[in-house]
Each structure stands twice: as structure tokens, then as C-alpha cells.
N, C-alpha and C. Protein backbone atom coordinates (compact mmCIF):
# COMPACT_ATOMS: atom_id res chain seq x y z
N MET A 1 0.82 -1.19 0.00
CA MET A 1 0.00 0.00 0.00
C MET A 1 0.87 1.26 0.00
N VAL A 2 1.94 1.26 0.81
CA VAL A 2 2.84 2.41 0.89
C VAL A 2 3.57 2.57 -0.43
N ARG A 3 4.00 1.42 -1.02
CA ARG A 3 4.71 1.49 -2.30
C ARG A 3 3.80 2.02 -3.41
N ARG A 4 2.55 1.63 -3.37
CA ARG A 4 1.60 2.07 -4.38
C ARG A 4 1.37 3.58 -4.26
N ALA A 5 1.24 4.12 -3.06
CA ALA A 5 1.06 5.56 -2.84
C ALA A 5 2.30 6.33 -3.28
N ALA A 6 3.48 5.79 -2.97
CA ALA A 6 4.73 6.44 -3.37
C ALA A 6 4.85 6.46 -4.89
N ARG A 7 4.47 5.36 -5.53
CA ARG A 7 4.52 5.27 -6.98
C ARG A 7 3.54 6.28 -7.61
N ARG A 8 2.38 6.40 -7.01
CA ARG A 8 1.37 7.34 -7.50
C ARG A 8 1.88 8.78 -7.39
N ARG A 9 2.50 9.14 -6.26
CA ARG A 9 3.05 10.48 -6.08
C ARG A 9 4.15 10.75 -7.09
N SER A 10 5.00 9.76 -7.34
CA SER A 10 6.07 9.92 -8.33
C SER A 10 5.50 10.16 -9.72
N LEU A 11 4.46 9.40 -10.06
CA LEU A 11 3.82 9.56 -11.36
C LEU A 11 3.21 10.95 -11.49
N VAL A 12 2.54 11.43 -10.47
CA VAL A 12 1.95 12.77 -10.48
C VAL A 12 3.05 13.83 -10.63
N LEU A 13 4.15 13.66 -9.93
CA LEU A 13 5.27 14.60 -10.00
C LEU A 13 5.86 14.62 -11.41
N VAL A 14 6.07 13.46 -12.00
CA VAL A 14 6.61 13.38 -13.35
C VAL A 14 5.66 14.05 -14.34
N LEU A 15 4.38 13.79 -14.23
CA LEU A 15 3.40 14.41 -15.12
C LEU A 15 3.37 15.93 -14.96
N ALA A 16 3.50 16.41 -13.74
CA ALA A 16 3.52 17.86 -13.50
C ALA A 16 4.76 18.49 -14.13
N VAL A 17 5.91 17.86 -13.98
CA VAL A 17 7.15 18.38 -14.58
C VAL A 17 7.03 18.39 -16.09
N LEU A 18 6.49 17.34 -16.67
CA LEU A 18 6.32 17.28 -18.12
C LEU A 18 5.36 18.36 -18.61
N ALA A 19 4.29 18.59 -17.88
CA ALA A 19 3.33 19.63 -18.26
C ALA A 19 3.98 21.01 -18.22
N LEU A 20 4.77 21.28 -17.19
CA LEU A 20 5.46 22.57 -17.10
C LEU A 20 6.47 22.73 -18.21
N ALA A 21 7.22 21.68 -18.50
CA ALA A 21 8.22 21.74 -19.57
C ALA A 21 7.55 21.96 -20.92
N SER A 22 6.44 21.31 -21.14
CA SER A 22 5.72 21.46 -22.39
C SER A 22 5.19 22.89 -22.53
N ALA A 23 4.68 23.45 -21.47
CA ALA A 23 4.16 24.82 -21.51
C ALA A 23 5.28 25.81 -21.78
N ALA A 24 6.44 25.59 -21.19
CA ALA A 24 7.58 26.49 -21.41
C ALA A 24 8.06 26.41 -22.84
N CYS A 25 8.05 25.25 -23.44
CA CYS A 25 8.52 25.09 -24.81
C CYS A 25 7.55 25.67 -25.83
N SER A 26 6.26 25.61 -25.54
CA SER A 26 5.28 26.07 -26.52
C SER A 26 4.87 27.52 -26.31
N ARG A 27 5.50 28.20 -25.38
CA ARG A 27 5.14 29.59 -25.10
C ARG A 27 5.49 30.47 -26.29
N GLU A 28 4.56 31.30 -26.69
CA GLU A 28 4.80 32.21 -27.80
C GLU A 28 5.64 33.38 -27.32
N PRO A 29 6.41 33.99 -28.23
CA PRO A 29 7.21 35.15 -27.82
C PRO A 29 6.29 36.29 -27.38
N PRO A 30 6.82 37.18 -26.56
CA PRO A 30 5.99 38.31 -26.12
C PRO A 30 5.48 39.12 -27.30
N SER A 31 4.30 39.68 -27.16
CA SER A 31 3.74 40.54 -28.19
C SER A 31 3.27 41.84 -27.53
N HIS A 32 3.05 42.84 -28.36
CA HIS A 32 2.66 44.16 -27.86
C HIS A 32 1.59 44.74 -28.76
N LYS A 33 0.71 45.51 -28.17
CA LYS A 33 -0.29 46.24 -28.93
C LYS A 33 0.36 47.55 -29.37
N MET A 34 0.58 47.68 -30.66
CA MET A 34 1.16 48.91 -31.22
C MET A 34 0.01 49.78 -31.69
N GLU A 35 -0.03 50.99 -31.19
CA GLU A 35 -1.04 51.96 -31.62
C GLU A 35 -0.32 53.13 -32.26
N GLY A 36 -0.99 53.80 -33.15
CA GLY A 36 -0.34 54.94 -33.78
C GLY A 36 -1.31 55.87 -34.45
N THR A 37 -0.75 56.98 -34.88
CA THR A 37 -1.51 57.94 -35.67
C THR A 37 -0.76 58.19 -36.97
N TYR A 38 -1.51 58.53 -37.98
CA TYR A 38 -0.93 58.97 -39.24
C TYR A 38 -1.58 60.30 -39.53
N ILE A 39 -0.79 61.36 -39.45
CA ILE A 39 -1.30 62.71 -39.58
C ILE A 39 -0.97 63.25 -40.96
N VAL A 40 -2.01 63.66 -41.67
CA VAL A 40 -1.84 64.32 -42.96
C VAL A 40 -1.95 65.82 -42.69
N HIS A 41 -0.83 66.52 -42.90
CA HIS A 41 -0.79 67.96 -42.63
C HIS A 41 -0.90 68.70 -43.96
N GLY A 42 -1.77 69.68 -44.01
CA GLY A 42 -1.92 70.45 -45.23
C GLY A 42 -3.09 71.40 -45.17
N PHE A 43 -3.45 71.91 -46.34
CA PHE A 43 -4.54 72.87 -46.45
C PHE A 43 -5.84 72.11 -46.68
N PHE A 44 -6.78 72.25 -45.75
CA PHE A 44 -8.09 71.62 -45.84
C PHE A 44 -9.12 72.73 -45.97
N PRO A 45 -9.75 72.87 -47.13
CA PRO A 45 -10.61 74.03 -47.39
C PRO A 45 -11.78 74.20 -46.44
N HIS A 46 -12.40 73.10 -45.97
CA HIS A 46 -13.63 73.26 -45.18
C HIS A 46 -13.37 73.67 -43.74
N ARG A 47 -12.23 73.38 -43.13
CA ARG A 47 -11.84 73.79 -41.76
C ARG A 47 -12.95 73.56 -40.74
N ASN A 48 -13.66 72.49 -40.85
CA ASN A 48 -14.70 72.13 -39.89
C ASN A 48 -14.07 71.15 -38.89
N PHE A 49 -13.42 71.70 -37.87
CA PHE A 49 -12.65 70.89 -36.93
C PHE A 49 -13.54 69.89 -36.19
N GLY A 50 -13.05 68.65 -36.11
CA GLY A 50 -13.80 67.57 -35.50
C GLY A 50 -14.61 66.78 -36.51
N ALA A 51 -14.71 67.30 -37.72
CA ALA A 51 -15.47 66.63 -38.78
C ALA A 51 -14.56 65.65 -39.53
N PRO A 52 -15.15 64.72 -40.26
CA PRO A 52 -14.35 63.79 -41.06
C PRO A 52 -13.55 64.53 -42.13
N CYS A 53 -12.41 63.97 -42.48
CA CYS A 53 -11.56 64.52 -43.53
C CYS A 53 -10.90 63.37 -44.28
N ARG A 54 -10.32 63.71 -45.43
CA ARG A 54 -9.61 62.73 -46.25
C ARG A 54 -8.29 63.35 -46.66
N GLY A 55 -7.31 62.50 -46.89
CA GLY A 55 -6.03 63.01 -47.37
C GLY A 55 -6.17 63.72 -48.69
N ALA A 56 -7.16 63.31 -49.51
CA ALA A 56 -7.38 63.95 -50.81
C ALA A 56 -7.68 65.43 -50.67
N ASP A 57 -8.28 65.82 -49.55
CA ASP A 57 -8.59 67.23 -49.31
C ASP A 57 -7.33 68.09 -49.31
N ALA A 58 -6.17 67.48 -48.99
CA ALA A 58 -4.90 68.21 -48.92
C ALA A 58 -3.90 67.70 -49.96
N GLY A 59 -4.40 66.99 -50.97
CA GLY A 59 -3.51 66.56 -52.05
C GLY A 59 -2.92 65.16 -51.90
N TYR A 60 -3.46 64.33 -51.02
CA TYR A 60 -2.99 62.96 -50.82
C TYR A 60 -4.17 62.00 -51.03
N PRO A 61 -4.56 61.77 -52.29
CA PRO A 61 -5.77 60.99 -52.55
C PRO A 61 -5.70 59.53 -52.09
N ASP A 62 -4.50 59.00 -51.90
CA ASP A 62 -4.37 57.60 -51.48
C ASP A 62 -4.48 57.41 -49.97
N LEU A 63 -4.55 58.50 -49.22
CA LEU A 63 -4.61 58.41 -47.75
C LEU A 63 -6.02 58.70 -47.28
N ARG A 64 -6.66 57.64 -46.80
CA ARG A 64 -8.06 57.73 -46.37
C ARG A 64 -8.34 56.59 -45.40
N GLN A 65 -9.49 56.63 -44.78
CA GLN A 65 -9.89 55.50 -43.94
C GLN A 65 -9.87 54.24 -44.80
N GLY A 66 -9.23 53.20 -44.30
CA GLY A 66 -9.14 51.95 -45.04
C GLY A 66 -7.78 51.72 -45.70
N THR A 67 -6.96 52.77 -45.83
CA THR A 67 -5.62 52.58 -46.39
C THR A 67 -4.85 51.60 -45.50
N THR A 68 -4.11 50.70 -46.11
CA THR A 68 -3.41 49.64 -45.39
C THR A 68 -2.16 50.14 -44.68
N VAL A 69 -2.03 49.74 -43.43
CA VAL A 69 -0.80 49.95 -42.64
C VAL A 69 -0.14 48.59 -42.51
N THR A 70 1.13 48.49 -42.90
CA THR A 70 1.87 47.23 -42.81
C THR A 70 3.02 47.42 -41.84
N VAL A 71 3.16 46.48 -40.91
CA VAL A 71 4.28 46.50 -39.96
C VAL A 71 5.16 45.31 -40.27
N LYS A 72 6.46 45.59 -40.49
CA LYS A 72 7.44 44.54 -40.78
C LYS A 72 8.53 44.58 -39.72
N ASP A 73 9.26 43.48 -39.60
CA ASP A 73 10.41 43.50 -38.71
C ASP A 73 11.60 44.08 -39.45
N GLY A 74 12.74 44.17 -38.76
CA GLY A 74 13.94 44.76 -39.36
C GLY A 74 14.43 44.02 -40.58
N ALA A 75 14.13 42.72 -40.69
CA ALA A 75 14.57 41.92 -41.83
C ALA A 75 13.58 41.98 -43.00
N GLY A 76 12.45 42.65 -42.80
CA GLY A 76 11.47 42.79 -43.87
C GLY A 76 10.32 41.81 -43.85
N ALA A 77 10.26 40.94 -42.85
CA ALA A 77 9.15 40.00 -42.75
C ALA A 77 7.91 40.72 -42.21
N THR A 78 6.78 40.52 -42.86
CA THR A 78 5.53 41.16 -42.43
C THR A 78 5.05 40.56 -41.12
N LEU A 79 4.79 41.44 -40.15
CA LEU A 79 4.29 41.03 -38.84
C LEU A 79 2.79 41.22 -38.72
N GLY A 80 2.23 42.12 -39.52
CA GLY A 80 0.80 42.37 -39.47
C GLY A 80 0.39 43.51 -40.36
N THR A 81 -0.89 43.52 -40.69
CA THR A 81 -1.47 44.62 -41.46
C THR A 81 -2.79 45.01 -40.81
N VAL A 82 -3.16 46.25 -41.00
CA VAL A 82 -4.41 46.79 -40.46
C VAL A 82 -4.79 47.99 -41.31
N ALA A 83 -6.04 48.40 -41.26
CA ALA A 83 -6.50 49.55 -42.03
C ALA A 83 -6.50 50.81 -41.17
N LEU A 84 -6.17 51.95 -41.80
CA LEU A 84 -6.30 53.23 -41.11
C LEU A 84 -7.75 53.44 -40.73
N GLN A 85 -7.96 54.02 -39.56
CA GLN A 85 -9.30 54.32 -39.06
C GLN A 85 -9.44 55.84 -38.91
N GLY A 86 -10.66 56.29 -38.94
CA GLY A 86 -10.95 57.69 -38.65
C GLY A 86 -10.69 58.60 -39.82
N GLY A 87 -9.98 59.66 -39.52
CA GLY A 87 -9.79 60.76 -40.44
C GLY A 87 -10.60 61.93 -39.91
N THR A 88 -10.04 62.58 -38.88
CA THR A 88 -10.73 63.68 -38.20
C THR A 88 -9.89 64.94 -38.31
N LEU A 89 -10.51 66.03 -38.71
CA LEU A 89 -9.79 67.28 -38.88
C LEU A 89 -9.56 67.97 -37.54
N ARG A 90 -8.32 68.41 -37.32
CA ARG A 90 -8.00 69.21 -36.13
C ARG A 90 -7.16 70.41 -36.56
N ARG A 91 -7.23 71.43 -35.75
CA ARG A 91 -6.48 72.66 -36.03
C ARG A 91 -4.99 72.35 -35.98
N GLY A 92 -4.26 72.86 -36.94
CA GLY A 92 -2.81 72.66 -36.99
C GLY A 92 -2.12 73.38 -35.85
N PRO A 93 -0.93 72.91 -35.46
CA PRO A 93 -0.23 73.49 -34.32
C PRO A 93 0.41 74.84 -34.59
N LEU A 94 0.51 75.24 -35.87
CA LEU A 94 1.15 76.51 -36.22
C LEU A 94 0.11 77.49 -36.75
N ARG A 95 0.50 78.77 -36.78
CA ARG A 95 -0.38 79.77 -37.37
C ARG A 95 -0.57 79.49 -38.84
N GLY A 96 -1.62 79.96 -39.39
CA GLY A 96 -1.86 79.79 -40.82
C GLY A 96 -3.05 78.89 -41.07
N ARG A 97 -3.18 78.51 -42.33
CA ARG A 97 -4.34 77.73 -42.77
C ARG A 97 -4.04 76.24 -42.91
N ASP A 98 -2.88 75.78 -42.48
CA ASP A 98 -2.56 74.35 -42.57
C ASP A 98 -3.05 73.64 -41.33
N ASP A 99 -3.79 72.57 -41.53
CA ASP A 99 -4.37 71.81 -40.43
C ASP A 99 -4.01 70.34 -40.58
N ASP A 100 -4.55 69.49 -39.71
CA ASP A 100 -4.20 68.08 -39.68
C ASP A 100 -5.42 67.20 -39.82
N CYS A 101 -5.31 66.19 -40.67
CA CYS A 101 -6.31 65.12 -40.76
C CYS A 101 -5.68 63.93 -40.04
N VAL A 102 -6.26 63.53 -38.93
CA VAL A 102 -5.67 62.52 -38.05
C VAL A 102 -6.36 61.17 -38.24
N PHE A 103 -5.56 60.19 -38.62
CA PHE A 103 -6.00 58.81 -38.73
C PHE A 103 -5.35 58.01 -37.61
N SER A 104 -5.88 56.84 -37.32
CA SER A 104 -5.28 56.00 -36.27
C SER A 104 -5.21 54.55 -36.75
N PHE A 105 -4.36 53.78 -36.06
CA PHE A 105 -4.27 52.35 -36.32
C PHE A 105 -3.84 51.65 -35.04
N SER A 106 -4.14 50.37 -34.97
CA SER A 106 -3.79 49.56 -33.79
C SER A 106 -3.71 48.10 -34.22
N LEU A 107 -2.64 47.42 -33.81
CA LEU A 107 -2.51 46.00 -34.07
C LEU A 107 -1.53 45.40 -33.07
N THR A 108 -1.58 44.10 -32.92
CA THR A 108 -0.67 43.40 -32.01
C THR A 108 0.47 42.82 -32.83
N VAL A 109 1.70 43.08 -32.37
CA VAL A 109 2.89 42.61 -33.07
C VAL A 109 3.78 41.83 -32.11
N PRO A 110 4.50 40.82 -32.61
CA PRO A 110 5.45 40.11 -31.76
C PRO A 110 6.65 41.01 -31.47
N GLU A 111 7.30 40.76 -30.36
CA GLU A 111 8.44 41.58 -29.97
C GLU A 111 9.62 41.33 -30.89
N ARG A 112 10.16 42.42 -31.42
CA ARG A 112 11.35 42.39 -32.28
C ARG A 112 12.24 43.56 -31.87
N ASP A 113 13.47 43.57 -32.37
CA ASP A 113 14.39 44.67 -32.06
C ASP A 113 14.05 45.93 -32.86
N ALA A 114 13.52 45.75 -34.08
CA ALA A 114 13.20 46.90 -34.92
C ALA A 114 11.95 46.59 -35.73
N TYR A 115 11.26 47.66 -36.10
CA TYR A 115 10.03 47.56 -36.88
C TYR A 115 10.08 48.59 -37.99
N ARG A 116 9.36 48.30 -39.08
CA ARG A 116 9.16 49.26 -40.16
C ARG A 116 7.66 49.38 -40.36
N VAL A 117 7.17 50.61 -40.29
CA VAL A 117 5.74 50.87 -40.45
C VAL A 117 5.55 51.61 -41.77
N GLU A 118 4.68 51.05 -42.61
CA GLU A 118 4.41 51.65 -43.92
C GLU A 118 2.92 51.87 -44.07
N VAL A 119 2.54 53.06 -44.51
CA VAL A 119 1.14 53.40 -44.76
C VAL A 119 0.96 53.52 -46.26
N GLY A 120 0.06 52.69 -46.80
CA GLY A 120 -0.11 52.67 -48.25
C GLY A 120 1.19 52.25 -48.90
N GLY A 121 1.55 52.89 -49.96
CA GLY A 121 2.81 52.60 -50.63
C GLY A 121 3.80 53.75 -50.49
N ARG A 122 3.75 54.45 -49.37
CA ARG A 122 4.54 55.67 -49.20
C ARG A 122 5.88 55.47 -48.50
N GLY A 123 6.40 54.25 -48.52
CA GLY A 123 7.70 54.01 -47.87
C GLY A 123 7.51 53.74 -46.39
N SER A 124 8.54 53.20 -45.78
CA SER A 124 8.42 52.80 -44.38
C SER A 124 9.22 53.72 -43.46
N VAL A 125 8.80 53.76 -42.22
CA VAL A 125 9.48 54.51 -41.17
C VAL A 125 9.96 53.49 -40.14
N ARG A 126 11.22 53.60 -39.75
CA ARG A 126 11.82 52.63 -38.83
C ARG A 126 11.63 53.08 -37.38
N PHE A 127 11.24 52.12 -36.55
CA PHE A 127 11.13 52.33 -35.11
C PHE A 127 11.93 51.22 -34.44
N ILE A 128 12.64 51.56 -33.36
CA ILE A 128 13.33 50.52 -32.61
C ILE A 128 12.56 50.23 -31.32
N ARG A 129 12.71 49.00 -30.85
CA ARG A 129 11.91 48.53 -29.71
C ARG A 129 12.05 49.45 -28.51
N SER A 130 13.26 49.88 -28.18
CA SER A 130 13.44 50.70 -26.97
C SER A 130 12.67 52.01 -27.07
N ASP A 131 12.62 52.62 -28.26
CA ASP A 131 11.84 53.85 -28.43
C ASP A 131 10.35 53.58 -28.29
N LEU A 132 9.88 52.47 -28.86
CA LEU A 132 8.47 52.13 -28.72
C LEU A 132 8.11 51.82 -27.27
N GLN A 133 9.01 51.16 -26.56
CA GLN A 133 8.75 50.89 -25.14
C GLN A 133 8.60 52.19 -24.36
N ARG A 134 9.49 53.16 -24.64
CA ARG A 134 9.43 54.46 -23.94
C ARG A 134 8.13 55.21 -24.26
N SER A 135 7.60 55.00 -25.46
CA SER A 135 6.37 55.71 -25.85
C SER A 135 5.12 54.86 -25.61
N ASN A 136 5.25 53.79 -24.82
CA ASN A 136 4.13 52.89 -24.56
C ASN A 136 3.58 52.28 -25.85
N TRP A 137 4.49 51.91 -26.74
CA TRP A 137 4.17 51.24 -27.99
C TRP A 137 3.27 52.09 -28.88
N LYS A 138 3.60 53.38 -28.95
CA LYS A 138 2.88 54.33 -29.82
C LYS A 138 3.81 54.72 -30.97
N ALA A 139 3.34 54.53 -32.19
CA ALA A 139 4.10 54.86 -33.39
C ALA A 139 3.35 55.94 -34.16
N ASP A 140 3.85 57.15 -34.11
CA ASP A 140 3.18 58.27 -34.76
C ASP A 140 3.95 58.70 -36.00
N LEU A 141 3.21 58.91 -37.09
CA LEU A 141 3.80 59.31 -38.36
C LEU A 141 3.06 60.53 -38.90
N THR A 142 3.77 61.33 -39.69
CA THR A 142 3.19 62.54 -40.27
C THR A 142 3.65 62.68 -41.71
N ILE A 143 2.77 63.17 -42.57
CA ILE A 143 3.14 63.51 -43.93
C ILE A 143 2.62 64.91 -44.20
N GLY A 144 3.36 65.69 -44.97
CA GLY A 144 2.99 67.06 -45.28
C GLY A 144 3.98 68.01 -44.64
N ALA A 145 4.13 69.16 -45.20
CA ALA A 145 5.14 70.11 -44.73
C ALA A 145 4.60 71.01 -43.63
N TYR A 146 5.27 71.00 -42.50
CA TYR A 146 5.02 71.98 -41.47
C TYR A 146 5.94 73.16 -41.78
N THR A 147 5.35 74.34 -41.93
CA THR A 147 6.17 75.50 -42.25
C THR A 147 6.28 76.40 -41.04
N MET A 148 7.46 76.91 -40.83
CA MET A 148 7.70 77.78 -39.68
C MET A 148 6.86 79.05 -39.80
N PHE A 149 6.25 79.44 -38.73
CA PHE A 149 5.46 80.66 -38.62
C PHE A 149 4.27 80.68 -39.59
N GLY A 150 3.71 79.52 -39.83
CA GLY A 150 2.49 79.46 -40.65
C GLY A 150 2.71 79.83 -42.10
N GLY A 151 3.90 79.63 -42.62
CA GLY A 151 4.16 79.86 -44.02
C GLY A 151 4.69 81.23 -44.35
N ILE A 152 4.96 82.04 -43.34
CA ILE A 152 5.49 83.39 -43.61
C ILE A 152 6.92 83.29 -44.06
């Protein structure tokens, strides 16, 4: 009876160790929720702040809600894609008539040392993990010319 109980405890212990080892081996690498904005800066004729806007309003017809955002690792392997959301007009930070159409995106990516974020076919912007960690995994991009003193 004692030998049978000891054998049972040993079997339970072995099964527990195997379960832990299996869980450790099959664990996926850490991942992070990357959020970002894509700001189209330019002249928007209607200037109705808070209203919907499109990149076409400022000369960027390919930038609109639904434009694809692709995130790749440093070696060029695609980690994920998502569509731009929103497109809301806000007053530009400088004097003048140039304002911002703000889009957003969010996706979960596996942890890598470097990332490349591309919106549409407009080339990629490189981010390194340490910078993203400092910004709480926020990747912000802007297109359009900001002119000093509102274009003066």
C-alpha cells in the first residue's frame, strides 16, 4: 500500500514536470499592442474641426480611412497589417491655414528589435523597440510640410 502511494506520487510529479516543460517550450514570444496615428498635414478648405476629412482634401488621394498599414520586422518579414481608421480634422499646431487630418491604427505585433511601419505605398518609417517601449508602444507618423510661422 505504501509502495503504491509512493509510486502514484512519483507519477503525479513526473506528469507535473512534463506539463510545465511542455508549456515552457510552446510559449509564444511576447507581443505588444502597437497603436499609432498617421497625420496628414496640409490645407483643408472646409476647416470644420472635428469633422471627417480625407487626405485627398490636402492633395494625398491615397490616404483615407481603409488605407493599409503594414508593420514589418527589421529583416522585412511582415508582422501584421491593419486599415487606417478615422480621419478627423484638427487645427494645426502653427499659425496659418494648414491643419491636420488625423487617422489612427492599432494591431498586435510580436516583440522584435526593430520595426518598419508603412502606410499605403509611401515608404516605411523605422522604429526601434526601446523607443516604442518608452512611448508605450505608440508609433506616430506625419506627412505634409510643417512650415515655420504658418508659411510666412
